[in-house]
Amino acid sequence: MFSSLEEVSEGLRATGYIADSVAKTTVYLAAKLQKPLLLEGPAGSGKTQLAYAVAGAADTTVERLQCYEGINEEKAIGKFDESLQRLCVELRAQSASVDWESLQIQLHSQQFFSAGPLLRALQYEKPCVLLIDELDKVDHAFEALLLELLSVWQLSIPKLGTIQATSIPFVVLTSNEERRIGDPLRRRSFYLRVEHPTAEREAEIVALRTPDSNHEFHAGMAGLAKALRGWSLEKPPSVSEILDLAQALKVLGTERVTAEMRDICCPCWPRPRPTGASCSCETALPVWSTTRSSTPPRLCEGAPHEGSVHFVSNSLRGFHLLGAGAQPNIAERG
């Protein structure tokens, strides 16, 4: 899939994915050694996007299995099309002579089997990327279903038989850590921890999506993201939400989030606080500052939040986010 580490690095960047050296090396080793890649980290940190970036870098297709509670073998591997089988039997029954034995063999062939993502991933002539997304939502029984595929690259299907891989896919397993992935899968996989990007790297990501904006805007978006994630939010903003916000601001012709556009541009923020509610944010927001100022900004000064969220540029010293708008939805502090 990749001939060198440099090809991985250049390919990922060409797709707009900014990866660090550890991520690029792990992707390269997983591809060369034909091992699954297990990605763990918070929701919205870019795990799923990495799978699509690898596919883009390798110029191949993504087969995605979206996991959810209650998913079964039929959704993952596939099932026989009973209506098509029934139609075939009815048409053959109208013939004067029917070889029922050969018909039975035909009815249980791939011609009558609707393949799911796992089976389709084995049947590409050119290796694809098989994305098994949010594996932590399923139980250990479903994990066991994957062991044959990830060990010997084949699937044993009742009545259909054993299907060998035409090509070995690049497998990406993602987990938001709602539960621990079992050791059998961990032993078979390369492991990569994917956290939200640093402010510097997120500014670079924003710059790729909004190349016509200046460095101050890119740094401001990265500072906003880091500040919100550093606070005790019920749902920290994902990388994609920050990119959406940056692009929305450019469409609106502004570089600031005002109170009027807050509910439109910032879906990760909650409804405004009730009038007269006391302020509980006595600590500063963590922010991106190249000088790491010893006097961090406060979100507010004890009064109910009013006004807008704005950026204060401190020349070459960095960017601080000062909030005077409705406070994000904070989990109660102990």
C-alpha atoms as a PDB file:
ATOM      1  CA  MET A   1       0.000   0.000   0.000  1.00  0.00           C
ATOM      2  CA  PHE A   2       2.879   2.355   0.846  1.00  0.00           C
ATOM      3  CA  SER A   3       6.457   1.967  -0.293  1.00  0.00           C
ATOM      4  CA  SER A   4       8.057   4.296   2.245  1.00  0.00           C
ATOM      5  CA  LEU A   5       7.412   6.360   5.352  1.00  0.00           C
ATOM      6  CA  GLU A   6       7.818   9.510   3.271  1.00  0.00           C
ATOM      7  CA  GLU A   7       5.007   8.359   0.994  1.00  0.00           C
ATOM      8  CA  VAL A   8       2.731   7.986   4.034  1.00  0.00           C
ATOM      9  CA  SER A   9       3.667  11.430   5.305  1.00  0.00           C
ATOM     10  CA  GLU A  10       3.141  13.148   1.961  1.00  0.00           C
ATOM     11  CA  GLY A  11      -0.039  11.213   1.228  1.00  0.00           C
ATOM     12  CA  LEU A  12      -1.709  12.037   4.543  1.00  0.00           C
ATOM     13  CA  ARG A  13      -0.827  15.694   4.247  1.00  0.00           C
ATOM     14  CA  ALA A  14      -2.162  15.803   0.682  1.00  0.00           C
ATOM     15  CA  THR A  15      -5.547  14.675   2.021  1.00  0.00           C
ATOM     16  CA  GLY A  16      -5.526  17.450   4.632  1.00  0.00           C
ATOM     17  CA  TYR A  17      -4.704  15.221   7.617  1.00  0.00           C
ATOM     18  CA  ILE A  18      -1.899  16.599   9.789  1.00  0.00           C
ATOM     19  CA  ALA A  19      -0.355  13.643  11.622  1.00  0.00           C
ATOM     20  CA  ASP A  20       2.597  13.541  13.992  1.00  0.00           C
ATOM     21  CA  SER A  21       5.612  11.305  13.477  1.00  0.00           C
ATOM     22  CA  VAL A  22       4.270   8.571  15.772  1.00  0.00           C
ATOM     23  CA  ALA A  23       0.998   8.323  13.840  1.00  0.00           C
ATOM     24  CA  LYS A  24       2.717   8.270  10.462  1.00  0.00           C
ATOM     25  CA  THR A  25       5.183   5.593  11.543  1.00  0.00           C
ATOM     26  CA  THR A  26       2.446   3.440  13.068  1.00  0.00           C
ATOM     27  CA  VAL A  27       0.333   3.664   9.905  1.00  0.00           C
ATOM     28  CA  TYR A  28       3.334   2.699   7.787  1.00  0.00           C
ATOM     29  CA  LEU A  29       4.210  -0.321   9.953  1.00  0.00           C
ATOM     30  CA  ALA A  30       0.587  -1.510  10.072  1.00  0.00           C
ATOM     31  CA  ALA A  31       0.395  -1.324   6.281  1.00  0.00           C
ATOM     32  CA  LYS A  32       3.722  -3.082   5.651  1.00  0.00           C
ATOM     33  CA  LEU A  33       3.149  -5.842   8.215  1.00  0.00           C
ATOM     34  CA  GLN A  34      -0.557  -6.215   7.313  1.00  0.00           C
ATOM     35  CA  LYS A  35      -1.724  -5.699  10.882  1.00  0.00           C
ATOM     36  CA  PRO A  36      -4.909  -3.970  12.064  1.00  0.00           C
ATOM     37  CA  LEU A  37      -4.566  -0.494  13.535  1.00  0.00           C
ATOM     38  CA  LEU A  38      -6.438   0.137  16.799  1.00  0.00           C
ATOM     39  CA  LEU A  39      -7.167   3.826  17.445  1.00  0.00           C
ATOM     40  CA  GLU A  40      -8.375   4.895  20.878  1.00  0.00           C
ATOM     41  CA  GLY A  41      -9.170   8.366  22.137  1.00  0.00           C
ATOM     42  CA  PRO A  42     -11.952  10.859  22.838  1.00  0.00           C
ATOM     43  CA  ALA A  43     -14.804  11.344  20.392  1.00  0.00           C
ATOM     44  CA  GLY A  44     -14.066  13.934  17.739  1.00  0.00           C
ATOM     45  CA  SER A  45     -10.274  13.645  17.910  1.00  0.00           C
ATOM     46  CA  GLY A  46      -9.873  12.503  14.288  1.00  0.00           C
ATOM     47  CA  LYS A  47      -9.758   8.693  14.519  1.00  0.00           C
ATOM     48  CA  THR A  48     -12.319   8.028  11.804  1.00  0.00           C
ATOM     49  CA  GLN A  49     -10.855  10.735   9.600  1.00  0.00           C
ATOM     50  CA  LEU A  50      -7.454   9.046   9.783  1.00  0.00           C
ATOM     51  CA  ALA A  51      -8.935   5.948   8.111  1.00  0.00           C
ATOM     52  CA  TYR A  52     -10.323   8.071   5.275  1.00  0.00           C
ATOM     53  CA  ALA A  53      -7.016   9.922   5.013  1.00  0.00           C
ATOM     54  CA  VAL A  54      -5.133   6.634   4.646  1.00  0.00           C
ATOM     55  CA  ALA A  55      -7.561   5.584   1.898  1.00  0.00           C
ATOM     56  CA  GLY A  56      -7.063   8.910   0.153  1.00  0.00           C
ATOM     57  CA  ALA A  57      -3.276   8.640   0.446  1.00  0.00           C
ATOM     58  CA  ALA A  58      -3.357   5.114  -0.991  1.00  0.00           C
ATOM     59  CA  ASP A  59      -5.956   6.005  -3.626  1.00  0.00           C
ATOM     60  CA  THR A  60      -8.288   3.243  -2.548  1.00  0.00           C
ATOM     61  CA  THR A  61     -11.816   2.665  -1.210  1.00  0.00           C
ATOM     62  CA  VAL A  62     -13.183   2.653   2.343  1.00  0.00           C
ATOM     63  CA  GLU A  63     -15.483  -0.138   3.492  1.00  0.00           C
ATOM     64  CA  ARG A  64     -17.069   1.057   6.726  1.00  0.00           C
ATOM     65  CA  LEU A  65     -18.751  -1.030   9.393  1.00  0.00           C
ATOM     66  CA  GLN A  66     -20.455   1.329  11.845  1.00  0.00           C
ATOM     67  CA  CYS A  67     -20.824  -0.520  15.133  1.00  0.00           C
ATOM     68  CA  TYR A  68     -23.784  -0.077  17.446  1.00  0.00           C
ATOM     69  CA  GLU A  69     -25.353  -1.945  20.320  1.00  0.00           C
ATOM     70  CA  GLY A  70     -27.145  -5.008  18.974  1.00  0.00           C
ATOM     71  CA  ILE A  71     -25.280  -5.299  15.672  1.00  0.00           C
ATOM     72  CA  ASN A  72     -25.154  -8.903  14.475  1.00  0.00           C
ATOM     73  CA  GLU A  73     -23.310 -11.152  12.056  1.00  0.00           C
ATOM     74  CA  GLU A  74     -25.749 -10.489   9.224  1.00  0.00           C
ATOM     75  CA  LYS A  75     -25.092  -6.734   9.315  1.00  0.00           C
ATOM     76  CA  ALA A  76     -21.331  -7.239   9.402  1.00  0.00           C
ATOM     77  CA  ILE A  77     -20.787 -10.176   7.046  1.00  0.00           C
ATOM     78  CA  GLY A  78     -24.023 -10.424   5.079  1.00  0.00           C
ATOM     79  CA  LYS A  79     -26.891 -12.849   4.552  1.00  0.00           C
ATOM     80  CA  PHE A  80     -28.601 -14.891   1.873  1.00  0.00           C
ATOM     81  CA  ASP A  81     -31.220 -13.051  -0.146  1.00  0.00           C
ATOM     82  CA  GLU A  82     -34.226 -15.244   0.638  1.00  0.00           C
ATOM     83  CA  SER A  83     -36.607 -13.442  -1.709  1.00  0.00           C
ATOM     84  CA  LEU A  84     -34.205 -13.964  -4.613  1.00  0.00           C
ATOM     85  CA  GLN A  85     -33.761 -17.617  -3.656  1.00  0.00           C
ATOM     86  CA  ARG A  86     -37.527 -18.095  -3.525  1.00  0.00           C
ATOM     87  CA  LEU A  87     -37.983 -16.487  -6.935  1.00  0.00           C
ATOM     88  CA  CYS A  88     -35.312 -18.756  -8.426  1.00  0.00           C
ATOM     89  CA  VAL A  89     -37.012 -21.865  -7.026  1.00  0.00           C
ATOM     90  CA  GLU A  90     -40.389 -20.805  -8.395  1.00  0.00           C
ATOM     91  CA  LEU A  91     -38.968 -20.219 -11.866  1.00  0.00           C
ATOM     92  CA  ARG A  92     -37.060 -23.501 -11.870  1.00  0.00           C
ATOM     93  CA  ALA A  93     -40.147 -25.394 -10.644  1.00  0.00           C
ATOM     94  CA  GLN A  94     -41.940 -24.472 -13.863  1.00  0.00           C
ATOM     95  CA  SER A  95     -39.366 -26.459 -15.828  1.00  0.00           C
ATOM     96  CA  ALA A  96     -40.160 -30.014 -16.876  1.00  0.00           C
ATOM     97  CA  SER A  97     -37.105 -31.456 -15.144  1.00  0.00           C
ATOM     98  CA  VAL A  98     -35.315 -29.919 -12.210  1.00  0.00           C
ATOM     99  CA  ASP A  99     -31.996 -31.016 -10.761  1.00  0.00           C
ATOM    100  CA  TRP A 100     -32.779 -30.157  -7.160  1.00  0.00           C
ATOM    101  CA  GLU A 101     -29.334 -31.069  -5.894  1.00  0.00           C
ATOM    102  CA  SER A 102     -27.540 -28.661  -8.217  1.00  0.00           C
ATOM    103  CA  LEU A 103     -30.224 -26.038  -7.531  1.00  0.00           C
ATOM    104  CA  GLN A 104     -29.569 -26.309  -3.804  1.00  0.00           C
ATOM    105  CA  ILE A 105     -25.860 -25.783  -4.384  1.00  0.00           C
ATOM    106  CA  GLN A 106     -26.592 -22.770  -6.567  1.00  0.00           C
ATOM    107  CA  LEU A 107     -28.964 -21.235  -4.014  1.00  0.00           C
ATOM    108  CA  HIS A 108     -26.189 -21.292  -1.407  1.00  0.00           C
ATOM    109  CA  SER A 109     -23.563 -19.653  -3.578  1.00  0.00           C
ATOM    110  CA  GLN A 110     -22.291 -16.061  -3.504  1.00  0.00           C
ATOM    111  CA  GLN A 111     -24.693 -15.299  -6.352  1.00  0.00           C
ATOM    112  CA  PHE A 112     -27.519 -15.295  -3.784  1.00  0.00           C
ATOM    113  CA  PHE A 113     -25.533 -13.792  -0.899  1.00  0.00           C
ATOM    114  CA  SER A 114     -25.782 -10.082  -0.030  1.00  0.00           C
ATOM    115  CA  ALA A 115     -22.296  -9.272   1.257  1.00  0.00           C
ATOM    116  CA  GLY A 116     -21.739  -6.962   4.234  1.00  0.00           C
ATOM    117  CA  PRO A 117     -18.727  -4.677   4.780  1.00  0.00           C
ATOM    118  CA  LEU A 118     -16.455  -7.386   6.202  1.00  0.00           C
ATOM    119  CA  LEU A 119     -16.948  -9.729   3.258  1.00  0.00           C
ATOM    120  CA  ARG A 120     -16.791  -6.970   0.652  1.00  0.00           C
ATOM    121  CA  ALA A 121     -13.468  -5.786   2.087  1.00  0.00           C
ATOM    122  CA  LEU A 122     -11.914  -9.194   1.303  1.00  0.00           C
ATOM    123  CA  GLN A 123     -13.077  -9.224  -2.293  1.00  0.00           C
ATOM    124  CA  TYR A 124     -11.366  -6.134  -3.716  1.00  0.00           C
ATOM    125  CA  GLU A 125      -8.661  -6.709  -6.287  1.00  0.00           C
ATOM    126  CA  LYS A 126      -6.735  -3.777  -4.805  1.00  0.00           C
ATOM    127  CA  PRO A 127      -6.512  -3.597  -0.986  1.00  0.00           C
ATOM    128  CA  CYS A 128      -9.138  -1.302   0.502  1.00  0.00           C
ATOM    129  CA  VAL A 129      -9.355   0.338   3.916  1.00  0.00           C
ATOM    130  CA  LEU A 130     -11.738  -1.530   6.225  1.00  0.00           C
ATOM    131  CA  LEU A 131     -12.984   0.859   8.909  1.00  0.00           C
ATOM    132  CA  ILE A 132     -14.646  -0.816  11.909  1.00  0.00           C
ATOM    133  CA  ASP A 133     -15.883   2.285  13.675  1.00  0.00           C
ATOM    134  CA  GLU A 134     -16.742   2.637  17.389  1.00  0.00           C
ATOM    135  CA  LEU A 135     -15.946  -0.958  18.262  1.00  0.00           C
ATOM    136  CA  ASP A 136     -16.420  -0.140  21.948  1.00  0.00           C
ATOM    137  CA  LYS A 137     -20.204  -0.077  21.389  1.00  0.00           C
ATOM    138  CA  VAL A 138     -20.369  -3.862  20.814  1.00  0.00           C
ATOM    139  CA  ASP A 139     -19.771  -6.767  23.184  1.00  0.00           C
ATOM    140  CA  HIS A 140     -16.949  -9.294  23.378  1.00  0.00           C
ATOM    141  CA  ALA A 141     -18.970 -11.843  21.394  1.00  0.00           C
ATOM    142  CA  PHE A 142     -18.900  -9.563  18.365  1.00  0.00           C
ATOM    143  CA  GLU A 143     -15.191  -8.965  18.871  1.00  0.00           C
ATOM    144  CA  ALA A 144     -14.684 -12.741  18.683  1.00  0.00           C
ATOM    145  CA  LEU A 145     -16.376 -12.663  15.268  1.00  0.00           C
ATOM    146  CA  LEU A 146     -13.521 -10.498  13.994  1.00  0.00           C
ATOM    147  CA  LEU A 147     -10.687 -12.732  15.162  1.00  0.00           C
ATOM    148  CA  GLU A 148     -10.756 -15.101  12.174  1.00  0.00           C
ATOM    149  CA  LEU A 149     -10.769 -12.181   9.756  1.00  0.00           C
ATOM    150  CA  LEU A 150      -7.889 -10.377  11.467  1.00  0.00           C
ATOM    151  CA  SER A 151      -5.818 -13.540  12.004  1.00  0.00           C
ATOM    152  CA  VAL A 152      -5.963 -15.487   8.734  1.00  0.00           C
ATOM    153  CA  TRP A 153      -7.864 -13.046   6.480  1.00  0.00           C
ATOM    154  CA  GLN A 154     -10.811 -15.279   5.766  1.00  0.00           C
ATOM    155  CA  LEU A 155     -14.463 -15.637   6.817  1.00  0.00           C
ATOM    156  CA  SER A 156     -16.277 -18.899   7.521  1.00  0.00           C
ATOM    157  CA  ILE A 157     -19.948 -18.477   6.644  1.00  0.00           C
ATOM    158  CA  PRO A 158     -22.547 -21.219   7.280  1.00  0.00           C
ATOM    159  CA  LYS A 159     -23.821 -22.820   4.034  1.00  0.00           C
ATOM    160  CA  LEU A 160     -21.599 -20.537   1.955  1.00  0.00           C
ATOM    161  CA  GLY A 161     -18.265 -21.923   3.114  1.00  0.00           C
ATOM    162  CA  THR A 162     -14.916 -20.278   3.755  1.00  0.00           C
ATOM    163  CA  ILE A 163     -14.133 -17.133   1.775  1.00  0.00           C
ATOM    164  CA  GLN A 164     -10.441 -16.351   1.396  1.00  0.00           C
ATOM    165  CA  ALA A 165      -9.263 -12.777   0.936  1.00  0.00           C
ATOM    166  CA  THR A 166      -8.560 -11.726  -2.631  1.00  0.00           C
ATOM    167  CA  SER A 167      -6.518  -8.861  -1.153  1.00  0.00           C
ATOM    168  CA  ILE A 168      -5.697  -8.030   2.466  1.00  0.00           C
ATOM    169  CA  PRO A 169      -7.389  -4.790   3.546  1.00  0.00           C
ATOM    170  CA  PHE A 170      -5.849  -2.128   5.752  1.00  0.00           C
ATOM    171  CA  VAL A 171      -8.006  -2.489   8.876  1.00  0.00           C
ATOM    172  CA  VAL A 172      -8.694   0.433  11.196  1.00  0.00           C
ATOM    173  CA  LEU A 173     -10.497  -0.209  14.498  1.00  0.00           C
ATOM    174  CA  THR A 174     -11.681   2.853  16.420  1.00  0.00           C
ATOM    175  CA  SER A 175     -12.838   3.155  20.026  1.00  0.00           C
ATOM    176  CA  ASN A 176     -14.137   6.068  22.105  1.00  0.00           C
ATOM    177  CA  GLU A 177     -13.326   3.984  25.202  1.00  0.00           C
ATOM    178  CA  GLU A 178     -16.872   3.450  26.410  1.00  0.00           C
ATOM    179  CA  ARG A 179     -15.511   0.037  27.385  1.00  0.00           C
ATOM    180  CA  ARG A 180     -12.153  -1.679  27.138  1.00  0.00           C
ATOM    181  CA  ILE A 181     -11.421  -3.552  23.919  1.00  0.00           C
ATOM    182  CA  GLY A 182     -10.540  -7.202  24.623  1.00  0.00           C
ATOM    183  CA  ASP A 183      -6.977  -8.476  24.747  1.00  0.00           C
ATOM    184  CA  PRO A 184      -7.320 -10.873  21.758  1.00  0.00           C
ATOM    185  CA  LEU A 185      -7.908  -7.919  19.427  1.00  0.00           C
ATOM    186  CA  ARG A 186      -5.266  -5.804  21.116  1.00  0.00           C
ATOM    187  CA  ARG A 187      -2.634  -8.517  20.633  1.00  0.00           C
ATOM    188  CA  ARG A 188      -3.326  -8.613  16.910  1.00  0.00           C
ATOM    189  CA  SER A 189      -3.187  -4.854  16.368  1.00  0.00           C
ATOM    190  CA  PHE A 190      -0.851  -1.916  16.289  1.00  0.00           C
ATOM    191  CA  TYR A 191      -2.017   0.608  18.878  1.00  0.00           C
ATOM    192  CA  LEU A 192      -2.253   4.360  18.432  1.00  0.00           C
ATOM    193  CA  ARG A 193      -3.570   6.827  20.970  1.00  0.00           C
ATOM    194  CA  VAL A 194      -5.372   9.713  19.229  1.00  0.00           C
ATOM    195  CA  GLU A 195      -5.959  12.806  21.367  1.00  0.00           C
ATOM    196  CA  HIS A 196      -7.294  16.170  20.295  1.00  0.00           C
ATOM    197  CA  PRO A 197      -4.518  17.997  18.428  1.00  0.00           C
ATOM    198  CA  THR A 198      -2.254  20.549  20.034  1.00  0.00           C
ATOM    199  CA  ALA A 199      -3.091  24.187  19.426  1.00  0.00           C
ATOM    200  CA  GLU A 200      -0.223  24.520  16.963  1.00  0.00           C
ATOM    201  CA  ARG A 201      -1.303  21.470  14.979  1.00  0.00           C
ATOM    202  CA  GLU A 202      -4.978  22.495  15.027  1.00  0.00           C
ATOM    203  CA  ALA A 203      -4.039  25.954  13.718  1.00  0.00           C
ATOM    204  CA  GLU A 204      -2.278  24.170  10.854  1.00  0.00           C
ATOM    205  CA  ILE A 205      -5.373  22.025  10.234  1.00  0.00           C
ATOM    206  CA  VAL A 206      -7.620  25.102  10.158  1.00  0.00           C
ATOM    207  CA  ALA A 207      -5.161  26.806   7.801  1.00  0.00           C
ATOM    208  CA  LEU A 208      -5.491  23.930   5.314  1.00  0.00           C
ATOM    209  CA  ARG A 209      -9.281  24.342   5.250  1.00  0.00           C
ATOM    210  CA  THR A 210      -9.310  28.154   5.219  1.00  0.00           C
ATOM    211  CA  PRO A 211      -6.167  29.068   3.245  1.00  0.00           C
ATOM    212  CA  ASP A 212      -7.435  32.569   2.434  1.00  0.00           C
ATOM    213  CA  SER A 213      -7.550  33.536   6.128  1.00  0.00           C
ATOM    214  CA  ASN A 214      -4.633  35.004   8.039  1.00  0.00           C
ATOM    215  CA  HIS A 215      -2.515  33.390  10.738  1.00  0.00           C
ATOM    216  CA  GLU A 216      -4.295  35.352  13.455  1.00  0.00           C
ATOM    217  CA  PHE A 217      -7.631  33.765  12.521  1.00  0.00           C
ATOM    218  CA  HIS A 218      -6.134  30.255  12.420  1.00  0.00           C
ATOM    219  CA  ALA A 219      -4.489  30.740  15.801  1.00  0.00           C
ATOM    220  CA  GLY A 220      -7.705  32.145  17.228  1.00  0.00           C
ATOM    221  CA  MET A 221      -9.694  29.094  16.157  1.00  0.00           C
ATOM    222  CA  ALA A 222      -7.063  26.820  17.693  1.00  0.00           C
ATOM    223  CA  GLY A 223      -7.117  28.851  20.902  1.00  0.00           C
ATOM    224  CA  LEU A 224     -10.905  28.623  21.066  1.00  0.00           C
ATOM    225  CA  ALA A 225     -10.782  24.852  20.606  1.00  0.00           C
ATOM    226  CA  LYS A 226      -8.120  24.339  23.269  1.00  0.00           C
ATOM    227  CA  ALA A 227      -9.924  26.611  25.725  1.00  0.00           C
ATOM    228  CA  LEU A 228     -13.256  24.815  25.378  1.00  0.00           C
ATOM    229  CA  ARG A 229     -11.672  21.369  25.617  1.00  0.00           C
ATOM    230  CA  GLY A 230      -9.740  22.391  28.694  1.00  0.00           C
ATOM    231  CA  TRP A 231     -12.920  23.353  30.458  1.00  0.00           C
ATOM    232  CA  SER A 232     -15.290  20.802  32.018  1.00  0.00           C
ATOM    233  CA  LEU A 233     -17.693  20.594  29.094  1.00  0.00           C
ATOM    234  CA  GLU A 234     -20.208  17.779  28.796  1.00  0.00           C
ATOM    235  CA  LYS A 235     -19.200  17.547  25.118  1.00  0.00           C
ATOM    236  CA  PRO A 236     -15.874  19.103  24.115  1.00  0.00           C
ATOM    237  CA  PRO A 237     -15.873  20.351  20.501  1.00  0.00           C
ATOM    238  CA  SER A 238     -14.446  17.987  17.919  1.00  0.00           C
ATOM    239  CA  VAL A 239     -11.894  18.928  15.289  1.00  0.00           C
ATOM    240  CA  SER A 240     -14.594  18.804  12.606  1.00  0.00           C
ATOM    241  CA  GLU A 241     -16.825  21.183  14.608  1.00  0.00           C
ATOM    242  CA  ILE A 242     -14.005  23.712  14.878  1.00  0.00           C
ATOM    243  CA  LEU A 243     -13.411  23.423  11.133  1.00  0.00           C
ATOM    244  CA  ASP A 244     -17.136  23.900  10.490  1.00  0.00           C
ATOM    245  CA  LEU A 245     -17.122  26.965  12.726  1.00  0.00           C
ATOM    246  CA  ALA A 246     -14.108  28.438  10.943  1.00  0.00           C
ATOM    247  CA  GLN A 247     -15.694  27.915   7.536  1.00  0.00           C
ATOM    248  CA  ALA A 248     -19.037  29.292   8.739  1.00  0.00           C
ATOM    249  CA  LEU A 249     -17.358  32.457  10.000  1.00  0.00           C
ATOM    250  CA  LYS A 250     -15.663  32.948   6.632  1.00  0.00           C
ATOM    251  CA  VAL A 251     -19.002  32.517   4.825  1.00  0.00           C
ATOM    252  CA  LEU A 252     -20.522  35.154   7.146  1.00  0.00           C
ATOM    253  CA  GLY A 253     -17.598  37.474   6.491  1.00  0.00           C
ATOM    254  CA  THR A 254     -16.442  37.768  10.091  1.00  0.00           C
ATOM    255  CA  GLU A 255     -13.748  36.408  12.350  1.00  0.00           C
ATOM    256  CA  ARG A 256     -15.609  36.656  15.657  1.00  0.00           C
ATOM    257  CA  VAL A 257     -18.420  34.712  17.266  1.00  0.00           C
ATOM    258  CA  THR A 258     -21.043  37.164  18.488  1.00  0.00           C
ATOM    259  CA  ALA A 259     -23.942  36.430  20.825  1.00  0.00           C
ATOM    260  CA  GLU A 260     -26.372  36.665  17.893  1.00  0.00           C
ATOM    261  CA  MET A 261     -24.654  33.935  15.883  1.00  0.00           C
ATOM    262  CA  ARG A 262     -23.637  31.769  18.838  1.00  0.00           C
ATOM    263  CA  ASP A 263     -26.545  29.310  18.609  1.00  0.00           C
ATOM    264  CA  ILE A 264     -26.109  29.026  14.833  1.00  0.00           C
ATOM    265  CA  CYS A 265     -22.343  28.638  14.601  1.00  0.00           C
ATOM    266  CA  CYS A 266     -21.606  26.841  17.867  1.00  0.00           C
ATOM    267  CA  PRO A 267     -23.886  23.812  18.197  1.00  0.00           C
ATOM    268  CA  CYS A 268     -21.557  22.432  20.866  1.00  0.00           C
ATOM    269  CA  TRP A 269     -22.570  25.298  23.146  1.00  0.00           C
ATOM    270  CA  PRO A 270     -25.749  25.061  25.214  1.00  0.00           C
ATOM    271  CA  ARG A 271     -28.614  27.478  25.752  1.00  0.00           C
ATOM    272  CA  PRO A 272     -27.881  30.761  27.568  1.00  0.00           C
ATOM    273  CA  ARG A 273     -27.813  30.786  31.362  1.00  0.00           C
ATOM    274  CA  PRO A 274     -30.985  31.903  33.180  1.00  0.00           C
ATOM    275  CA  THR A 275     -31.129  35.606  33.950  1.00  0.00           C
ATOM    276  CA  GLY A 276     -29.633  36.364  37.325  1.00  0.00           C
ATOM    277  CA  ALA A 277     -27.879  33.021  37.677  1.00  0.00           C
ATOM    278  CA  SER A 278     -24.661  33.199  39.619  1.00  0.00           C
ATOM    279  CA  CYS A 279     -21.403  32.465  37.915  1.00  0.00           C
ATOM    280  CA  SER A 280     -19.581  29.305  38.960  1.00  0.00           C
ATOM    281  CA  CYS A 281     -16.522  29.708  36.764  1.00  0.00           C
ATOM    282  CA  GLU A 282     -13.901  30.969  39.201  1.00  0.00           C
ATOM    283  CA  THR A 283     -11.022  29.397  37.326  1.00  0.00           C
ATOM    284  CA  ALA A 284      -9.380  30.534  34.166  1.00  0.00           C
ATOM    285  CA  LEU A 285      -9.884  28.890  30.809  1.00  0.00           C
ATOM    286  CA  PRO A 286      -6.813  27.057  29.573  1.00  0.00           C
ATOM    287  CA  VAL A 287      -5.706  28.883  26.439  1.00  0.00           C
ATOM    288  CA  TRP A 288      -3.013  28.758  23.814  1.00  0.00           C
ATOM    289  CA  SER A 289      -0.326  31.322  24.501  1.00  0.00           C
ATOM    290  CA  THR A 290       3.178  31.149  23.137  1.00  0.00           C
ATOM    291  CA  THR A 291       4.436  32.878  26.262  1.00  0.00           C
ATOM    292  CA  ARG A 292       2.293  30.953  28.764  1.00  0.00           C
ATOM    293  CA  SER A 293       1.230  34.114  30.527  1.00  0.00           C
ATOM    294  CA  SER A 294       1.293  33.927  34.330  1.00  0.00           C
ATOM    295  CA  THR A 295      -2.023  35.780  34.512  1.00  0.00           C
ATOM    296  CA  PRO A 296      -4.565  33.602  32.713  1.00  0.00           C
ATOM    297  CA  PRO A 297      -7.827  35.206  31.555  1.00  0.00           C
ATOM    298  CA  ARG A 298     -11.056  34.657  33.473  1.00  0.00           C
ATOM    299  CA  LEU A 299     -14.242  33.648  31.730  1.00  0.00           C
ATOM    300  CA  CYS A 300     -16.204  36.302  33.575  1.00  0.00           C
ATOM    301  CA  GLU A 301     -16.138  38.487  36.666  1.00  0.00           C
ATOM    302  CA  GLY A 302     -18.920  36.950  38.733  1.00  0.00           C
ATOM    303  CA  ALA A 303     -21.868  38.481  36.905  1.00  0.00           C
ATOM    304  CA  PRO A 304     -24.288  36.682  34.581  1.00  0.00           C
ATOM    305  CA  HIS A 305     -22.725  36.318  31.154  1.00  0.00           C
ATOM    306  CA  GLU A 306     -23.549  39.000  28.633  1.00  0.00           C
ATOM    307  CA  GLY A 307     -22.165  40.165  25.342  1.00  0.00           C
ATOM    308  CA  SER A 308     -20.081  38.076  22.989  1.00  0.00           C
ATOM    309  CA  VAL A 309     -17.149  35.742  22.824  1.00  0.00           C
ATOM    310  CA  HIS A 310     -14.162  37.498  21.330  1.00  0.00           C
ATOM    311  CA  PHE A 311     -10.472  37.094  20.723  1.00  0.00           C
ATOM    312  CA  VAL A 312      -7.872  39.394  22.200  1.00  0.00           C
ATOM    313  CA  SER A 313      -4.665  39.476  20.241  1.00  0.00           C
ATOM    314  CA  ASN A 314      -1.528  40.186  22.191  1.00  0.00           C
ATOM    315  CA  SER A 315       0.692  40.852  19.196  1.00  0.00           C
ATOM    316  CA  LEU A 316       3.370  38.163  18.936  1.00  0.00           C
ATOM    317  CA  ARG A 317       2.676  36.857  22.422  1.00  0.00           C
ATOM    318  CA  GLY A 318      -0.238  34.637  21.371  1.00  0.00           C
ATOM    319  CA  PHE A 319      -4.006  34.643  21.592  1.00  0.00           C
ATOM    320  CA  HIS A 320      -6.224  34.524  24.635  1.00  0.00           C
ATOM    321  CA  LEU A 321      -9.867  33.641  24.595  1.00  0.00           C
ATOM    322  CA  LEU A 322     -11.989  35.855  26.841  1.00  0.00           C
ATOM    323  CA  GLY A 323     -15.591  34.808  27.258  1.00  0.00           C
ATOM    324  CA  ALA A 324     -18.345  37.286  27.998  1.00  0.00           C
ATOM    325  CA  GLY A 325     -21.106  35.327  26.279  1.00  0.00           C
ATOM    326  CA  ALA A 326     -23.293  32.470  27.428  1.00  0.00           C
ATOM    327  CA  GLN A 327     -21.199  29.931  29.271  1.00  0.00           C
ATOM    328  CA  PRO A 328     -20.733  26.482  27.741  1.00  0.00           C
ATOM    329  CA  ASN A 329     -22.552  23.617  29.375  1.00  0.00           C
ATOM    330  CA  ILE A 330     -20.316  22.778  32.299  1.00  0.00           C
ATOM    331  CA  ALA A 331     -20.438  19.643  34.344  1.00  0.00           C
ATOM    332  CA  GLU A 332     -20.816  20.454  38.025  1.00  0.00           C
ATOM    333  CA  ARG A 333     -17.455  20.777  39.663  1.00  0.00           C
ATOM    334  CA  GLY A 334     -16.788  18.822  42.843  1.00  0.00           C
END
